[in-house]
Amino acid sequence: MKYLRWIPPYQLTIAVGIVILYLTLLPKPFGEEDLPLFPGADKLAHCCMFGGLALTYIFERKRDRRPLSLKGALITASAATLFGIAVEFIQDAMNLGRSGDMADALADAVGAFAAVPLCYCLHWINVVVKHSSRK
């Protein structure tokens, strides 16, 4: 991870958040091109975007040598989910051809919370258990 040391803390997370806002709020983020997609591809995209957001933040905490606890990782997933819900409300309020879809918000939550066990397996989450001493 030495090769990432030159990137200031949390810049990757901010970049991922900006890309998510671009992709979810612009009416046609890919221009006039119609991309051939399979049914449910948009839900998979939401799952990957918000899972990536949670994963990036947890990774950056680990990179900064301040790994999150499991509770902290779950709070991070909750925050990413709330961000996804807010995006859906903003889409609905903007009236630019995008509509807020709570199924997308559910996909956001699935992706964000799926990042937690993945980060656990990658040892990016601090799982030190403190034992109380009994006398």
N, C-alpha and C. Protein backbone atom coordinates (compact mmCIF):
# COMPACT_ATOMS: atom_id res chain seq x y z
N MET A 1 0.81 -1.19 0.00
CA MET A 1 0.00 0.00 0.00
C MET A 1 0.86 1.26 0.00
N LYS A 2 2.16 1.10 -0.06
CA LYS A 2 3.04 2.26 -0.08
C LYS A 2 2.80 3.13 -1.31
N TYR A 3 2.43 2.52 -2.42
CA TYR A 3 2.22 3.28 -3.65
C TYR A 3 0.98 4.18 -3.57
N LEU A 4 0.13 4.00 -2.59
CA LEU A 4 -1.04 4.87 -2.42
C LEU A 4 -0.83 5.95 -1.37
N ARG A 5 0.35 5.99 -0.76
CA ARG A 5 0.61 6.94 0.31
C ARG A 5 0.56 8.40 -0.16
N TRP A 6 0.81 8.65 -1.43
CA TRP A 6 0.83 10.02 -1.93
C TRP A 6 -0.58 10.59 -2.06
N ILE A 7 -1.60 9.74 -2.04
CA ILE A 7 -2.99 10.21 -2.13
C ILE A 7 -3.42 10.65 -0.73
N PRO A 8 -3.87 11.90 -0.58
CA PRO A 8 -4.31 12.36 0.74
C PRO A 8 -5.45 11.50 1.28
N PRO A 9 -5.57 11.42 2.61
CA PRO A 9 -6.62 10.59 3.20
C PRO A 9 -8.02 10.98 2.71
N TYR A 10 -8.79 9.97 2.43
CA TYR A 10 -10.21 10.06 2.07
C TYR A 10 -10.48 10.69 0.71
N GLN A 11 -9.46 10.95 -0.09
CA GLN A 11 -9.67 11.49 -1.43
C GLN A 11 -10.30 10.44 -2.33
N LEU A 12 -9.95 9.18 -2.16
CA LEU A 12 -10.57 8.12 -2.97
C LEU A 12 -12.06 8.00 -2.66
N THR A 13 -12.41 8.10 -1.39
CA THR A 13 -13.82 8.03 -1.00
C THR A 13 -14.59 9.20 -1.58
N ILE A 14 -14.01 10.39 -1.52
CA ILE A 14 -14.66 11.57 -2.10
C ILE A 14 -14.82 11.39 -3.61
N ALA A 15 -13.79 10.88 -4.28
CA ALA A 15 -13.86 10.66 -5.73
C ALA A 15 -14.97 9.66 -6.07
N VAL A 16 -15.07 8.58 -5.31
CA VAL A 16 -16.13 7.59 -5.56
C VAL A 16 -17.50 8.24 -5.36
N GLY A 17 -17.64 9.06 -4.31
CA GLY A 17 -18.91 9.75 -4.07
C GLY A 17 -19.28 10.68 -5.21
N ILE A 18 -18.30 11.40 -5.76
CA ILE A 18 -18.56 12.31 -6.88
C ILE A 18 -18.98 11.54 -8.13
N VAL A 19 -18.30 10.43 -8.39
CA VAL A 19 -18.66 9.59 -9.54
C VAL A 19 -20.09 9.06 -9.37
N ILE A 20 -20.43 8.63 -8.16
CA ILE A 20 -21.79 8.14 -7.91
C ILE A 20 -22.81 9.25 -8.16
N LEU A 21 -22.54 10.46 -7.68
CA LEU A 21 -23.46 11.57 -7.92
C LEU A 21 -23.59 11.85 -9.41
N TYR A 22 -22.49 11.83 -10.13
CA TYR A 22 -22.53 12.05 -11.58
C TYR A 22 -23.39 10.99 -12.27
N LEU A 23 -23.15 9.73 -11.94
CA LEU A 23 -23.86 8.64 -12.61
C LEU A 23 -25.34 8.56 -12.23
N THR A 24 -25.67 8.99 -11.02
CA THR A 24 -27.06 8.83 -10.58
C THR A 24 -27.92 10.08 -10.78
N LEU A 25 -27.31 11.25 -10.88
CA LEU A 25 -28.12 12.46 -10.97
C LEU A 25 -28.23 13.04 -12.38
N LEU A 26 -27.26 12.79 -13.24
CA LEU A 26 -27.37 13.31 -14.60
C LEU A 26 -28.41 12.51 -15.37
N PRO A 27 -29.22 13.18 -16.19
CA PRO A 27 -30.26 12.46 -16.94
C PRO A 27 -29.68 11.40 -17.88
N LYS A 28 -28.60 11.71 -18.57
CA LYS A 28 -27.96 10.75 -19.49
C LYS A 28 -26.45 10.81 -19.28
N PRO A 29 -25.95 10.14 -18.24
CA PRO A 29 -24.51 10.25 -17.93
C PRO A 29 -23.60 9.68 -19.02
N PHE A 30 -24.11 8.83 -19.89
CA PHE A 30 -23.30 8.24 -20.96
C PHE A 30 -23.60 8.87 -22.30
N GLY A 31 -24.23 10.05 -22.30
CA GLY A 31 -24.58 10.72 -23.55
C GLY A 31 -25.82 10.09 -24.17
N GLU A 32 -25.90 10.21 -25.45
CA GLU A 32 -27.07 9.70 -26.17
C GLU A 32 -26.98 8.21 -26.49
N GLU A 33 -25.90 7.60 -26.12
CA GLU A 33 -25.73 6.17 -26.38
C GLU A 33 -26.67 5.36 -25.51
N ASP A 34 -27.37 4.42 -26.13
CA ASP A 34 -28.19 3.47 -25.37
C ASP A 34 -27.36 2.21 -25.19
N LEU A 35 -27.02 1.94 -23.95
CA LEU A 35 -26.23 0.76 -23.65
C LEU A 35 -27.15 -0.45 -23.53
N PRO A 36 -26.84 -1.54 -24.24
CA PRO A 36 -27.66 -2.74 -24.10
C PRO A 36 -27.41 -3.39 -22.74
N LEU A 37 -28.46 -3.49 -21.95
CA LEU A 37 -28.33 -4.03 -20.61
C LEU A 37 -29.30 -5.19 -20.41
N PHE A 38 -29.00 -6.02 -19.46
CA PHE A 38 -29.89 -7.12 -19.10
C PHE A 38 -30.87 -6.63 -18.05
N PRO A 39 -31.99 -7.31 -17.86
CA PRO A 39 -32.96 -6.88 -16.85
C PRO A 39 -32.33 -6.88 -15.45
N GLY A 40 -32.49 -5.80 -14.73
CA GLY A 40 -31.94 -5.68 -13.39
C GLY A 40 -30.52 -5.15 -13.36
N ALA A 41 -29.98 -4.76 -14.51
CA ALA A 41 -28.61 -4.25 -14.56
C ALA A 41 -28.46 -2.98 -13.73
N ASP A 42 -29.50 -2.15 -13.71
CA ASP A 42 -29.41 -0.92 -12.93
C ASP A 42 -29.32 -1.22 -11.44
N LYS A 43 -30.01 -2.25 -10.99
CA LYS A 43 -29.93 -2.63 -9.56
C LYS A 43 -28.54 -3.16 -9.23
N LEU A 44 -27.96 -3.93 -10.13
CA LEU A 44 -26.60 -4.43 -9.93
C LEU A 44 -25.61 -3.26 -9.90
N ALA A 45 -25.83 -2.28 -10.77
CA ALA A 45 -24.96 -1.10 -10.78
C ALA A 45 -25.05 -0.34 -9.46
N HIS A 46 -26.27 -0.17 -8.94
CA HIS A 46 -26.44 0.50 -7.65
C HIS A 46 -25.74 -0.28 -6.53
N CYS A 47 -25.89 -1.58 -6.56
CA CYS A 47 -25.25 -2.44 -5.55
C CYS A 47 -23.74 -2.27 -5.59
N CYS A 48 -23.16 -2.27 -6.77
CA CYS A 48 -21.71 -2.12 -6.92
C CYS A 48 -21.24 -0.73 -6.53
N MET A 49 -22.00 0.30 -6.91
CA MET A 49 -21.58 1.67 -6.60
C MET A 49 -21.53 1.92 -5.09
N PHE A 50 -22.59 1.56 -4.40
CA PHE A 50 -22.64 1.86 -2.97
C PHE A 50 -21.84 0.86 -2.15
N GLY A 51 -21.68 -0.36 -2.65
CA GLY A 51 -20.75 -1.28 -2.03
C GLY A 51 -19.33 -0.77 -2.19
N GLY A 52 -19.03 -0.22 -3.36
CA GLY A 52 -17.72 0.37 -3.60
C GLY A 52 -17.45 1.58 -2.73
N LEU A 53 -18.48 2.36 -2.46
CA LEU A 53 -18.32 3.53 -1.59
C LEU A 53 -17.96 3.09 -0.16
N ALA A 54 -18.70 2.14 0.38
CA ALA A 54 -18.41 1.64 1.73
C ALA A 54 -17.04 0.96 1.77
N LEU A 55 -16.74 0.17 0.76
CA LEU A 55 -15.46 -0.53 0.68
C LEU A 55 -14.30 0.46 0.62
N THR A 56 -14.46 1.51 -0.15
CA THR A 56 -13.39 2.51 -0.28
C THR A 56 -13.12 3.21 1.04
N TYR A 57 -14.18 3.59 1.75
CA TYR A 57 -13.98 4.26 3.03
C TYR A 57 -13.29 3.33 4.04
N ILE A 58 -13.74 2.08 4.11
CA ILE A 58 -13.14 1.12 5.04
C ILE A 58 -11.67 0.89 4.67
N PHE A 59 -11.40 0.77 3.37
CA PHE A 59 -10.02 0.61 2.91
C PHE A 59 -9.16 1.80 3.31
N GLU A 60 -9.68 3.00 3.13
CA GLU A 60 -8.89 4.19 3.46
C GLU A 60 -8.62 4.30 4.96
N ARG A 61 -9.56 3.85 5.77
CA ARG A 61 -9.29 3.82 7.22
C ARG A 61 -8.16 2.84 7.52
N LYS A 62 -8.19 1.69 6.89
CA LYS A 62 -7.13 0.69 7.09
C LYS A 62 -5.79 1.23 6.58
N ARG A 63 -5.81 1.89 5.43
CA ARG A 63 -4.59 2.46 4.85
C ARG A 63 -4.01 3.54 5.75
N ASP A 64 -4.88 4.27 6.44
CA ASP A 64 -4.46 5.34 7.34
C ASP A 64 -4.05 4.79 8.72
N ARG A 65 -4.02 3.46 8.83
CA ARG A 65 -3.68 2.75 10.07
C ARG A 65 -4.64 3.07 11.20
N ARG A 66 -5.92 3.26 10.85
CA ARG A 66 -6.98 3.48 11.83
C ARG A 66 -8.18 2.61 11.44
N PRO A 67 -7.98 1.28 11.45
CA PRO A 67 -9.06 0.41 10.97
C PRO A 67 -10.31 0.54 11.84
N LEU A 68 -11.43 0.37 11.17
CA LEU A 68 -12.71 0.42 11.85
C LEU A 68 -12.97 -0.86 12.61
N SER A 69 -13.78 -0.77 13.64
CA SER A 69 -14.30 -1.97 14.30
C SER A 69 -15.45 -2.48 13.44
N LEU A 70 -15.97 -3.63 13.79
CA LEU A 70 -17.12 -4.15 13.06
C LEU A 70 -18.30 -3.19 13.19
N LYS A 71 -18.48 -2.64 14.38
CA LYS A 71 -19.55 -1.66 14.59
C LYS A 71 -19.35 -0.44 13.69
N GLY A 72 -18.12 0.04 13.60
CA GLY A 72 -17.81 1.18 12.74
C GLY A 72 -18.07 0.87 11.28
N ALA A 73 -17.76 -0.35 10.86
CA ALA A 73 -18.01 -0.76 9.47
C ALA A 73 -19.51 -0.81 9.19
N LEU A 74 -20.29 -1.27 10.17
CA LEU A 74 -21.74 -1.29 9.98
C LEU A 74 -22.32 0.12 9.94
N ILE A 75 -21.74 1.03 10.72
CA ILE A 75 -22.16 2.43 10.67
C ILE A 75 -21.81 3.02 9.30
N THR A 76 -20.65 2.67 8.78
CA THR A 76 -20.26 3.12 7.45
C THR A 76 -21.23 2.63 6.39
N ALA A 77 -21.63 1.36 6.47
CA ALA A 77 -22.60 0.81 5.53
C ALA A 77 -23.95 1.52 5.66
N SER A 78 -24.32 1.85 6.89
CA SER A 78 -25.57 2.58 7.11
C SER A 78 -25.50 3.97 6.50
N ALA A 79 -24.36 4.64 6.66
CA ALA A 79 -24.18 5.97 6.08
C ALA A 79 -24.24 5.92 4.55
N ALA A 80 -23.62 4.91 3.95
CA ALA A 80 -23.68 4.75 2.50
C ALA A 80 -25.12 4.49 2.05
N THR A 81 -25.86 3.73 2.82
CA THR A 81 -27.27 3.47 2.51
C THR A 81 -28.08 4.75 2.59
N LEU A 82 -27.86 5.55 3.62
CA LEU A 82 -28.57 6.83 3.75
C LEU A 82 -28.22 7.77 2.59
N PHE A 83 -26.97 7.74 2.16
CA PHE A 83 -26.56 8.52 1.00
C PHE A 83 -27.34 8.07 -0.23
N GLY A 84 -27.50 6.76 -0.39
CA GLY A 84 -28.26 6.22 -1.52
C GLY A 84 -29.73 6.62 -1.47
N ILE A 85 -30.32 6.59 -0.29
CA ILE A 85 -31.71 7.01 -0.14
C ILE A 85 -31.85 8.49 -0.48
N ALA A 86 -30.89 9.30 -0.02
CA ALA A 86 -30.92 10.74 -0.32
C ALA A 86 -30.82 10.97 -1.83
N VAL A 87 -29.99 10.21 -2.51
CA VAL A 87 -29.85 10.34 -3.97
C VAL A 87 -31.19 10.05 -4.64
N GLU A 88 -31.90 9.04 -4.17
CA GLU A 88 -33.20 8.71 -4.77
C GLU A 88 -34.21 9.85 -4.57
N PHE A 89 -34.21 10.46 -3.40
CA PHE A 89 -35.10 11.59 -3.17
C PHE A 89 -34.71 12.79 -4.04
N ILE A 90 -33.40 13.00 -4.18
CA ILE A 90 -32.92 14.11 -5.02
C ILE A 90 -33.30 13.87 -6.48
N GLN A 91 -33.15 12.64 -6.95
CA GLN A 91 -33.55 12.30 -8.32
C GLN A 91 -35.01 12.64 -8.55
N ASP A 92 -35.84 12.28 -7.60
CA ASP A 92 -37.27 12.52 -7.73
C ASP A 92 -37.58 14.01 -7.73
N ALA A 93 -36.87 14.78 -6.93
CA ALA A 93 -37.13 16.21 -6.81
C ALA A 93 -36.59 17.01 -8.00
N MET A 94 -35.59 16.51 -8.69
CA MET A 94 -34.95 17.26 -9.77
C MET A 94 -35.81 17.34 -11.04
N ASN A 95 -36.64 16.36 -11.28
CA ASN A 95 -37.49 16.32 -12.49
C ASN A 95 -36.67 16.46 -13.77
N LEU A 96 -35.59 15.72 -13.87
CA LEU A 96 -34.76 15.76 -15.07
C LEU A 96 -34.77 14.43 -15.82
N GLY A 97 -35.85 13.71 -15.71
CA GLY A 97 -35.95 12.44 -16.40
C GLY A 97 -35.53 11.24 -15.57
N ARG A 98 -35.04 11.46 -14.38
CA ARG A 98 -34.70 10.37 -13.46
C ARG A 98 -35.78 10.32 -12.41
N SER A 99 -36.12 9.14 -11.99
CA SER A 99 -37.14 9.03 -10.94
C SER A 99 -36.56 8.28 -9.76
N GLY A 100 -36.92 8.73 -8.57
CA GLY A 100 -36.47 8.05 -7.36
C GLY A 100 -37.14 6.68 -7.28
N ASP A 101 -36.36 5.67 -7.05
CA ASP A 101 -36.86 4.30 -7.01
C ASP A 101 -36.37 3.66 -5.71
N MET A 102 -37.28 3.28 -4.85
CA MET A 102 -36.87 2.69 -3.58
C MET A 102 -36.25 1.30 -3.77
N ALA A 103 -36.51 0.67 -4.91
CA ALA A 103 -35.81 -0.59 -5.20
C ALA A 103 -34.32 -0.32 -5.43
N ASP A 104 -34.00 0.84 -6.01
CA ASP A 104 -32.60 1.23 -6.14
C ASP A 104 -31.98 1.46 -4.76
N ALA A 105 -32.73 2.09 -3.87
CA ALA A 105 -32.24 2.33 -2.51
C ALA A 105 -31.98 1.00 -1.80
N LEU A 106 -32.83 0.02 -2.03
CA LEU A 106 -32.61 -1.30 -1.44
C LEU A 106 -31.34 -1.93 -2.01
N ALA A 107 -31.13 -1.78 -3.32
CA ALA A 107 -29.90 -2.29 -3.93
C ALA A 107 -28.67 -1.58 -3.36
N ASP A 108 -28.81 -0.27 -3.09
CA ASP A 108 -27.72 0.48 -2.46
C ASP A 108 -27.38 -0.14 -1.10
N ALA A 109 -28.41 -0.44 -0.32
CA ALA A 109 -28.21 -1.02 1.02
C ALA A 109 -27.56 -2.40 0.92
N VAL A 110 -28.02 -3.21 -0.01
CA VAL A 110 -27.44 -4.55 -0.18
C VAL A 110 -25.96 -4.44 -0.51
N GLY A 111 -25.61 -3.53 -1.42
CA GLY A 111 -24.21 -3.36 -1.79
C GLY A 111 -23.36 -2.85 -0.63
N ALA A 112 -23.88 -1.84 0.08
CA ALA A 112 -23.12 -1.26 1.19
C ALA A 112 -22.88 -2.28 2.29
N PHE A 113 -23.91 -3.05 2.63
CA PHE A 113 -23.75 -4.04 3.70
C PHE A 113 -22.99 -5.28 3.24
N ALA A 114 -22.98 -5.56 1.93
CA ALA A 114 -22.19 -6.68 1.42
C ALA A 114 -20.70 -6.37 1.49
N ALA A 115 -20.35 -5.09 1.51
CA ALA A 115 -18.94 -4.70 1.60
C ALA A 115 -18.36 -5.06 2.97
N VAL A 116 -19.18 -5.10 3.99
CA VAL A 116 -18.68 -5.35 5.35
C VAL A 116 -18.05 -6.75 5.48
N PRO A 117 -18.75 -7.83 5.10
CA PRO A 117 -18.08 -9.14 5.22
C PRO A 117 -16.88 -9.28 4.28
N LEU A 118 -16.94 -8.60 3.13
CA LEU A 118 -15.79 -8.64 2.23
C LEU A 118 -14.58 -7.98 2.88
N CYS A 119 -14.79 -6.83 3.48
CA CYS A 119 -13.68 -6.13 4.18
C CYS A 119 -13.21 -6.93 5.38
N TYR A 120 -14.10 -7.64 6.03
CA TYR A 120 -13.73 -8.50 7.15
C TYR A 120 -12.79 -9.60 6.66
N CYS A 121 -13.15 -10.21 5.53
CA CYS A 121 -12.31 -11.28 4.96
C CYS A 121 -10.95 -10.76 4.50
N LEU A 122 -10.90 -9.50 4.09
CA LEU A 122 -9.64 -8.89 3.66
C LEU A 122 -8.83 -8.35 4.83
N HIS A 123 -9.34 -8.51 6.04
CA HIS A 123 -8.70 -8.04 7.28
C HIS A 123 -8.55 -6.52 7.32
N TRP A 124 -9.53 -5.81 6.73
CA TRP A 124 -9.54 -4.35 6.77
C TRP A 124 -10.34 -3.84 7.97
N ILE A 125 -10.99 -4.75 8.67
CA ILE A 125 -11.79 -4.39 9.84
C ILE A 125 -11.07 -4.93 11.07
N ASN A 126 -10.95 -4.09 12.08
CA ASN A 126 -10.29 -4.48 13.32
C ASN A 126 -11.26 -5.31 14.15
N VAL A 127 -10.93 -6.56 14.36
CA VAL A 127 -11.82 -7.45 15.10
C VAL A 127 -11.19 -7.94 16.39
N VAL A 128 -10.38 -7.11 16.99
CA VAL A 128 -9.76 -7.47 18.26
C VAL A 128 -10.85 -7.51 19.33
N VAL A 129 -10.95 -8.64 19.99
CA VAL A 129 -11.95 -8.82 21.05
C VAL A 129 -11.26 -8.60 22.39
N LYS A 130 -11.81 -7.72 23.16
CA LYS A 130 -11.25 -7.44 24.49
C LYS A 130 -11.94 -8.35 25.51
N HIS A 131 -11.14 -9.09 26.23
CA HIS A 131 -11.67 -9.97 27.26
C HIS A 131 -11.58 -9.28 28.61
N SER A 132 -12.63 -9.38 29.35
CA SER A 132 -12.58 -8.82 30.70
C SER A 132 -11.88 -9.80 31.62
N SER A 133 -11.06 -9.30 32.48
CA SER A 133 -10.35 -10.19 33.39
C SER A 133 -11.21 -10.46 34.61
N ARG A 134 -11.27 -11.72 34.97
CA ARG A 134 -12.06 -12.14 36.14
C ARG A 134 -11.10 -12.55 37.25
N LYS A 135 -11.39 -12.11 38.44
CA LYS A 135 -10.52 -12.47 39.55
C LYS A 135 -11.28 -13.27 40.57
